[in-house]
Amino acid sequence: MRNVAWLIPLGFFFLNPGFACGIDEPQFQYGAPEMRMAVEGDWGFTITPAGGAPMQVVVHVTQGSGAAASQEQPSHGQLMRTAYACGTRTLVRSAAACFDTSQMPLAVSYVSGDASFANVSMSGMFTVHSLVFAAGELALMIGPYQILAEVKPDGSLEDPRLGTEGTAGTLVVARG
């Protein structure tokens, strides 16, 4: 009987893995509307690869529907969808602390500019690592170029940069 006693706590964990991050649900102070307001719209980029000529492109960014699908998360012994319209919200146990994150997949489409961008693959993700939306991480892929920036709730940017390894150059961003 003693050999079976260790199965009870193990079984409880598998039935309620959210117990590791606490019983209480996180209280996010923002949702999809606030995240959309910060990133949706037209974005203009001037990308100048190292040693290359500047290329301009204007893209339209909206909330996507697919890249990060909603995940089920345990809550008080039941499974509950927590992402609502934002994409995913996950709690990751790390160093005895939970990390609250909201991710919104983005649909990115070509509007105008350098013709070399007209038929390239485009995608994006907007991530906020907090219960309160003070800033989020924008990551866009426009063809071979990864564009990274910190975006505030009012849509203002900090530290826009090219992020693809091996892609040196400069980036100028304009919101339209």
Protein backbone atom coordinates (compact mmCIF):
# COMPACT_ATOMS: atom_id res chain seq x y z
CA MET A 1 0.00 0.00 0.00
CA ARG A 2 2.91 2.37 0.74
CA ASN A 3 4.21 1.87 -2.78
CA VAL A 4 0.91 3.14 -4.19
CA ALA A 5 0.72 6.18 -1.87
CA TRP A 6 3.10 8.22 -4.05
CA LEU A 7 0.65 7.90 -6.95
CA ILE A 8 -1.89 10.19 -5.23
CA PRO A 9 0.20 13.41 -5.44
CA LEU A 10 1.41 12.47 -8.92
CA GLY A 11 -2.16 11.84 -10.08
CA PHE A 12 -3.29 15.15 -8.58
CA PHE A 13 -0.58 16.99 -10.53
CA PHE A 14 -1.60 15.37 -13.83
CA LEU A 15 -5.28 16.16 -13.20
CA ASN A 16 -4.46 19.76 -12.21
CA PRO A 17 -1.04 20.85 -13.59
CA GLY A 18 -2.03 24.50 -13.05
CA PHE A 19 -1.57 23.85 -9.34
CA ALA A 20 2.18 24.41 -9.89
CA CYS A 21 1.51 28.06 -10.72
CA GLY A 22 -1.01 28.64 -7.98
CA ILE A 23 -4.74 28.30 -7.62
CA ASP A 24 -5.73 31.85 -8.54
CA GLU A 25 -6.26 32.83 -12.17
CA PRO A 26 -4.06 35.71 -13.35
CA GLN A 27 -5.95 38.98 -13.70
CA PHE A 28 -4.83 40.46 -17.02
CA GLN A 29 -5.43 44.23 -17.16
CA TYR A 30 -5.74 44.27 -20.99
CA GLY A 31 -7.14 42.18 -23.79
CA ALA A 32 -7.30 41.85 -27.55
CA PRO A 33 -8.69 45.38 -28.15
CA GLU A 34 -5.73 47.05 -26.42
CA MET A 35 -3.20 44.84 -28.18
CA ARG A 36 -4.85 45.44 -31.58
CA MET A 37 -4.93 49.20 -31.02
CA ALA A 38 -1.17 49.20 -30.45
CA VAL A 39 -0.15 47.28 -33.58
CA GLU A 40 -2.89 47.25 -36.21
CA GLY A 41 -2.62 49.57 -39.21
CA ASP A 42 -0.16 50.49 -41.93
CA TRP A 43 3.56 50.34 -41.22
CA GLY A 44 6.21 51.80 -43.52
CA PHE A 45 9.74 50.41 -43.46
CA THR A 46 12.92 51.56 -45.14
CA ILE A 47 15.34 48.64 -45.00
CA THR A 48 18.93 49.31 -45.97
CA PRO A 49 21.00 46.11 -45.98
CA ALA A 50 24.73 46.56 -45.25
CA GLY A 51 26.33 47.62 -48.52
CA GLY A 52 22.97 47.69 -50.31
CA ALA A 53 20.48 50.23 -51.54
CA PRO A 54 17.50 51.28 -49.41
CA MET A 55 14.26 49.38 -50.04
CA GLN A 56 10.89 50.73 -48.98
CA VAL A 57 7.78 48.75 -48.21
CA VAL A 58 4.42 49.55 -46.66
CA VAL A 59 2.55 46.67 -45.04
CA HIS A 60 -0.83 46.37 -43.36
CA VAL A 61 -0.89 44.60 -39.97
CA THR A 62 -4.01 43.08 -38.42
CA GLN A 63 -4.73 40.43 -35.81
CA GLY A 64 -4.13 37.03 -37.37
CA SER A 65 -6.05 33.89 -36.74
CA GLY A 66 -3.61 31.06 -36.83
CA ALA A 67 0.06 31.10 -35.87
CA ALA A 68 -0.55 30.66 -32.17
CA ALA A 69 -3.78 28.84 -31.49
CA SER A 70 -5.52 29.01 -28.15
CA GLN A 71 -4.33 26.54 -25.58
CA GLU A 72 -6.24 24.84 -22.84
CA GLN A 73 -5.06 25.60 -19.32
CA PRO A 74 -6.16 24.01 -16.07
CA SER A 75 -8.09 26.08 -13.58
CA HIS A 76 -9.44 24.79 -10.27
CA GLY A 77 -9.43 21.22 -11.59
CA GLN A 78 -11.14 22.06 -14.87
CA LEU A 79 -9.84 22.88 -18.34
CA MET A 80 -10.60 26.43 -19.38
CA ARG A 81 -9.87 28.45 -22.53
CA THR A 82 -8.00 31.57 -21.34
CA ALA A 83 -6.75 33.20 -24.51
CA TYR A 84 -10.03 34.75 -25.64
CA ALA A 85 -9.30 36.67 -28.85
CA CYS A 86 -5.63 37.32 -28.10
CA GLY A 87 -4.10 34.08 -29.34
CA THR A 88 -2.40 32.33 -26.44
CA ARG A 89 -1.81 33.01 -22.83
CA THR A 90 0.50 30.63 -21.10
CA LEU A 91 1.91 30.17 -17.64
CA VAL A 92 5.38 28.71 -17.60
CA ARG A 93 6.83 27.50 -14.33
CA SER A 94 10.41 28.70 -14.07
CA ALA A 95 12.53 29.25 -10.98
CA ALA A 96 9.51 28.80 -8.71
CA ALA A 97 7.67 31.70 -10.35
CA CYS A 98 5.00 31.88 -13.02
CA PHE A 99 5.48 34.03 -16.10
CA ASP A 100 2.31 35.58 -17.55
CA THR A 101 2.33 36.12 -21.32
CA SER A 102 -0.19 37.09 -24.00
CA GLN A 103 0.59 36.44 -27.66
CA MET A 104 -1.30 37.74 -30.67
CA PRO A 105 -0.52 36.27 -34.09
CA LEU A 106 -0.45 38.96 -36.77
CA ALA A 107 -1.45 38.89 -40.42
CA VAL A 108 0.89 41.04 -42.50
CA SER A 109 0.11 42.01 -46.10
CA TYR A 110 1.91 44.02 -48.77
CA VAL A 111 0.41 47.45 -49.54
CA SER A 112 3.03 49.23 -51.65
CA GLY A 113 6.72 49.84 -52.14
CA ASP A 114 9.61 47.89 -53.60
CA ALA A 115 8.22 45.24 -55.96
CA SER A 116 10.59 42.62 -54.51
CA PHE A 117 8.35 42.52 -51.42
CA ALA A 118 5.07 42.04 -53.33
CA ASN A 119 5.13 38.23 -53.26
CA VAL A 120 7.26 37.36 -50.23
CA SER A 121 6.00 35.55 -47.17
CA MET A 122 4.98 37.90 -44.33
CA SER A 123 3.93 37.13 -40.77
CA GLY A 124 4.16 38.49 -37.27
CA MET A 125 3.65 38.04 -33.55
CA PHE A 126 2.93 40.56 -30.80
CA THR A 127 3.81 39.46 -27.26
CA VAL A 128 3.18 41.13 -23.90
CA HIS A 129 5.04 39.59 -20.95
CA SER A 130 2.98 40.92 -18.07
CA LEU A 131 -0.46 41.17 -16.51
CA VAL A 132 -0.33 44.92 -17.27
CA PHE A 133 0.31 46.15 -20.82
CA ALA A 134 3.12 48.69 -20.48
CA ALA A 135 4.97 47.53 -23.62
CA GLY A 136 5.01 44.55 -25.95
CA GLU A 137 7.45 42.90 -28.32
CA LEU A 138 6.62 43.16 -32.02
CA ALA A 139 8.28 40.64 -34.33
CA LEU A 140 7.53 40.82 -38.06
CA MET A 141 8.97 38.68 -40.84
CA ILE A 142 8.93 40.44 -44.20
CA GLY A 143 10.57 38.09 -46.62
CA PRO A 144 14.10 37.46 -45.33
CA TYR A 145 14.00 40.43 -42.92
CA GLN A 146 13.00 40.13 -39.29
CA ILE A 147 11.85 43.42 -37.83
CA LEU A 148 11.81 43.78 -34.06
CA ALA A 149 10.52 46.65 -31.92
CA GLU A 150 9.06 47.43 -28.54
CA VAL A 151 5.55 48.84 -28.89
CA LYS A 152 3.76 50.89 -26.23
CA PRO A 153 -0.05 50.77 -25.77
CA ASP A 154 -0.39 54.06 -27.69
CA GLY A 155 1.43 52.51 -30.69
CA SER A 156 4.68 54.40 -30.18
CA LEU A 157 7.90 52.49 -30.84
CA GLU A 158 11.18 52.02 -29.06
CA ASP A 159 14.30 50.37 -30.43
CA PRO A 160 13.15 49.27 -33.91
CA ARG A 161 15.83 47.08 -35.49
CA LEU A 162 16.59 44.35 -37.97
CA GLY A 163 16.78 41.11 -36.05
CA THR A 164 17.68 38.36 -38.49
CA GLU A 165 21.07 36.86 -37.71
CA GLY A 166 23.59 37.77 -40.36
CA THR A 167 21.43 40.64 -41.62
CA ALA A 168 23.29 43.84 -40.90
CA GLY A 169 21.86 47.15 -41.98
CA THR A 170 19.57 49.93 -40.89
CA LEU A 171 15.85 50.22 -40.41
CA VAL A 172 13.59 53.28 -40.45
CA VAL A 173 9.96 52.83 -39.37
CA ALA A 174 6.96 55.08 -40.00
CA ARG A 175 3.40 54.48 -38.84
CA GLY A 176 0.73 55.43 -41.32
